[in-house]
Amino acid sequence: MSLKRISPSDPRVKQVLVGIAAIFAICVLIGLIYYAGTLPGFIGECFAMITGIITTPFLMEGSFIIIGLLTVMFINNWRLRREGDELVYLEEAEGPGSESLPDSAKWAIYKDQPLDPECPDLLAQVEGALEIGDHETAIEALASMKDSDRDSPAALKLRIKLARDTGKSDLLEQLKAKLAASDH
């Protein structure tokens, strides 16, 4: 039987160390309460009475339950302050075609609230559609543009790319000529 070597960066090591530290802190606290009971005067008597309550058979279990609860609450409060809230935002892919996505692409978890989606202008939609190879969407976005916007140099460059990608060589030459004319 071979033993698996645990890396110090493993999160389980950190959890065990925190647990050991909590148990050690409780033992030190109980020891300090016991030794504080040996102090002279009223303070010593108070701590001696606390030691008696802690070590009384039926009260001992209750006092350890209270100490344990307080310890768990302290550790959880410390962890929340260090790591932040556990609230996360879940985005799920919905709509047509989402059922064909792999499971890992159907959802995303964000620690911070995602920004509101923006509606890009038609030129950005054409550019995005061309980048992912969605020529139909690029053509639809170009068709919904005004004629003056469609003949701008930026739109002409995208139209040239679309013509090149779809294999329309005659349209490609016309668009190149139109772009060259608009540059002068």
Protein backbone atom coordinates (compact mmCIF):
# COMPACT_ATOMS: atom_id res chain seq x y z
CA MET A 1 0.00 0.00 0.00
CA SER A 2 1.51 3.31 -1.04
CA LEU A 3 0.79 6.54 0.75
CA LYS A 4 -0.08 9.54 -1.32
CA ARG A 5 2.05 12.55 -0.51
CA ILE A 6 -0.03 15.61 0.38
CA SER A 7 1.17 18.96 -0.88
CA PRO A 8 1.38 21.83 1.64
CA SER A 9 -0.66 23.94 -0.79
CA ASP A 10 -3.57 21.46 -0.60
CA PRO A 11 -6.61 23.23 0.94
CA ARG A 12 -7.24 20.23 3.20
CA VAL A 13 -3.92 20.85 4.94
CA LYS A 14 -5.01 24.41 5.70
CA GLN A 15 -8.36 23.18 7.07
CA VAL A 16 -6.67 20.66 9.35
CA LEU A 17 -4.22 23.30 10.59
CA VAL A 18 -7.08 25.71 11.37
CA GLY A 19 -8.86 22.93 13.28
CA ILE A 20 -5.72 22.08 15.25
CA ALA A 21 -5.19 25.78 16.02
CA ALA A 22 -8.79 26.08 17.26
CA ILE A 23 -8.44 23.04 19.54
CA PHE A 24 -5.10 24.36 20.81
CA ALA A 25 -6.64 27.79 21.50
CA ILE A 26 -9.48 26.18 23.48
CA CYS A 27 -6.98 24.15 25.52
CA VAL A 28 -4.93 27.27 26.23
CA LEU A 29 -8.11 29.16 27.22
CA ILE A 30 -9.16 26.40 29.63
CA GLY A 31 -5.62 26.26 31.05
CA LEU A 32 -5.57 30.02 31.57
CA ILE A 33 -8.96 29.90 33.30
CA TYR A 34 -7.69 27.11 35.58
CA TYR A 35 -4.47 28.93 36.46
CA ALA A 36 -6.32 32.24 36.88
CA GLY A 37 -8.27 30.44 39.63
CA THR A 38 -5.06 30.31 41.69
CA LEU A 39 -4.81 34.12 41.77
CA PRO A 40 -5.39 35.68 45.17
CA GLY A 41 -8.54 37.66 45.96
CA PHE A 42 -11.89 38.08 44.29
CA ILE A 43 -10.59 37.53 40.72
CA GLY A 44 -9.06 34.21 41.71
CA GLU A 45 -12.32 33.11 43.35
CA CYS A 46 -14.31 34.06 40.20
CA PHE A 47 -12.01 32.03 37.96
CA ALA A 48 -12.02 29.13 40.46
CA MET A 49 -15.84 29.14 40.31
CA ILE A 50 -15.71 29.19 36.46
CA THR A 51 -13.26 26.25 36.58
CA GLY A 52 -15.66 24.41 38.88
CA ILE A 53 -18.57 25.03 36.50
CA ILE A 54 -16.53 23.95 33.48
CA THR A 55 -15.44 20.70 35.16
CA THR A 56 -18.79 19.77 36.80
CA PRO A 57 -20.02 16.59 35.07
CA PHE A 58 -23.35 17.80 33.65
CA LEU A 59 -22.35 21.41 33.18
CA MET A 60 -19.07 20.47 31.54
CA GLU A 61 -20.78 19.18 28.39
CA GLY A 62 -22.91 22.31 28.09
CA SER A 63 -19.95 24.59 28.64
CA PHE A 64 -17.94 22.77 25.98
CA ILE A 65 -20.89 23.01 23.60
CA ILE A 66 -21.03 26.78 24.20
CA ILE A 67 -17.24 27.10 23.78
CA GLY A 68 -17.43 25.01 20.59
CA LEU A 69 -20.28 27.11 19.17
CA LEU A 70 -18.45 30.33 19.96
CA THR A 71 -15.31 28.94 18.33
CA VAL A 72 -17.17 27.94 15.16
CA MET A 73 -18.87 31.35 15.01
CA PHE A 74 -15.52 33.11 15.48
CA ILE A 75 -13.82 31.05 12.74
CA ASN A 76 -16.73 31.59 10.35
CA ASN A 77 -16.77 35.35 11.03
CA TRP A 78 -13.00 35.53 10.47
CA ARG A 79 -13.30 33.55 7.22
CA LEU A 80 -16.14 35.76 5.95
CA ARG A 81 -14.11 38.89 6.63
CA ARG A 82 -11.09 37.42 4.84
CA GLU A 83 -12.82 35.77 1.84
CA GLY A 84 -15.92 37.92 1.52
CA ASP A 85 -19.52 36.92 1.11
CA GLU A 86 -20.40 33.55 -0.42
CA LEU A 87 -22.97 35.15 -2.70
CA VAL A 88 -22.28 34.39 -6.36
CA TYR A 89 -24.07 35.22 -9.59
CA LEU A 90 -25.08 32.41 -11.92
CA GLU A 91 -25.67 33.01 -15.59
CA GLU A 92 -27.29 30.28 -17.65
CA ALA A 93 -27.42 29.99 -21.42
CA GLU A 94 -31.01 30.01 -22.56
CA GLY A 95 -32.73 30.13 -25.89
CA PRO A 96 -32.44 28.30 -29.18
CA GLY A 97 -29.29 26.27 -29.59
CA SER A 98 -28.43 26.23 -25.87
CA GLU A 99 -29.32 22.54 -25.58
CA SER A 100 -26.54 21.66 -28.02
CA LEU A 101 -23.89 23.39 -25.90
CA PRO A 102 -21.58 21.27 -23.74
CA ASP A 103 -22.44 21.27 -20.03
CA SER A 104 -19.43 23.44 -19.18
CA ALA A 105 -20.65 26.17 -21.56
CA LYS A 106 -24.26 26.24 -20.34
CA TRP A 107 -23.55 28.28 -17.21
CA ALA A 108 -21.00 30.59 -15.61
CA ILE A 109 -20.45 31.67 -12.01
CA TYR A 110 -19.29 35.19 -11.17
CA LYS A 111 -18.15 36.38 -7.75
CA ASP A 112 -18.93 40.02 -8.63
CA GLN A 113 -22.17 41.10 -10.23
CA PRO A 114 -21.75 41.03 -14.02
CA LEU A 115 -22.23 44.22 -15.96
CA ASP A 116 -25.54 44.81 -17.68
CA PRO A 117 -25.41 43.59 -21.27
CA GLU A 118 -24.97 46.31 -23.83
CA CYS A 119 -26.49 46.40 -27.27
CA PRO A 120 -23.63 47.01 -29.68
CA ASP A 121 -24.16 49.13 -32.76
CA LEU A 122 -24.73 47.45 -36.12
CA LEU A 123 -21.09 47.84 -37.19
CA ALA A 124 -19.89 46.07 -34.05
CA GLN A 125 -22.49 43.33 -34.63
CA VAL A 126 -21.19 42.81 -38.16
CA GLU A 127 -17.61 42.68 -36.92
CA GLY A 128 -18.48 40.20 -34.16
CA ALA A 129 -20.47 37.99 -36.52
CA LEU A 130 -17.56 37.93 -38.99
CA GLU A 131 -15.10 37.03 -36.24
CA ILE A 132 -17.09 33.95 -35.30
CA GLY A 133 -17.92 33.05 -38.89
CA ASP A 134 -21.66 33.77 -38.65
CA HIS A 135 -22.08 35.20 -42.15
CA GLU A 136 -25.90 35.16 -42.10
CA THR A 137 -26.04 37.42 -39.05
CA ALA A 138 -23.42 39.72 -40.59
CA ILE A 139 -25.50 40.03 -43.77
CA GLU A 140 -28.67 40.75 -41.74
CA ALA A 141 -26.90 43.47 -39.75
CA LEU A 142 -25.50 45.02 -42.93
CA ALA A 143 -28.96 44.94 -44.53
CA SER A 144 -30.48 46.81 -41.57
CA MET A 145 -27.87 49.62 -41.81
CA LYS A 146 -28.55 52.93 -43.52
CA ASP A 147 -26.94 53.30 -46.95
CA SER A 148 -24.63 56.06 -45.71
CA ASP A 149 -23.42 53.89 -42.80
CA ARG A 150 -22.98 50.88 -45.09
CA ASP A 151 -20.70 52.93 -47.39
CA SER A 152 -18.43 54.23 -44.59
CA PRO A 153 -14.78 53.08 -44.80
CA ALA A 154 -15.08 50.91 -41.66
CA ALA A 155 -18.20 49.19 -43.03
CA LEU A 156 -16.59 48.76 -46.45
CA LYS A 157 -13.62 46.96 -44.87
CA LEU A 158 -16.01 44.59 -43.10
CA ARG A 159 -18.00 44.08 -46.31
CA ILE A 160 -14.73 43.24 -48.12
CA LYS A 161 -13.92 40.65 -45.45
CA LEU A 162 -17.43 39.21 -45.76
CA ALA A 163 -17.16 39.03 -49.56
CA ARG A 164 -13.75 37.35 -49.26
CA ASP A 165 -15.06 34.83 -46.69
CA THR A 166 -18.12 33.95 -48.75
CA GLY A 167 -16.17 33.66 -52.01
CA LYS A 168 -17.88 36.46 -53.94
CA SER A 169 -14.94 37.71 -56.01
CA ASP A 170 -16.90 40.10 -58.27
CA LEU A 171 -18.43 41.86 -55.25
CA LEU A 172 -15.00 41.88 -53.59
CA GLU A 173 -13.49 43.85 -56.49
CA GLN A 174 -16.39 46.32 -56.52
CA LEU A 175 -16.05 46.94 -52.78
CA LYS A 176 -12.27 47.37 -53.04
CA ALA A 177 -12.79 49.98 -55.77
CA LYS A 178 -15.43 51.75 -53.68
CA LEU A 179 -13.08 51.79 -50.67
CA ALA A 180 -10.21 53.15 -52.78
CA ALA A 181 -12.51 55.88 -54.12
CA SER A 182 -13.65 56.86 -50.62
CA ASP A 183 -10.01 57.16 -49.42
CA HIS A 184 -9.25 59.83 -52.04
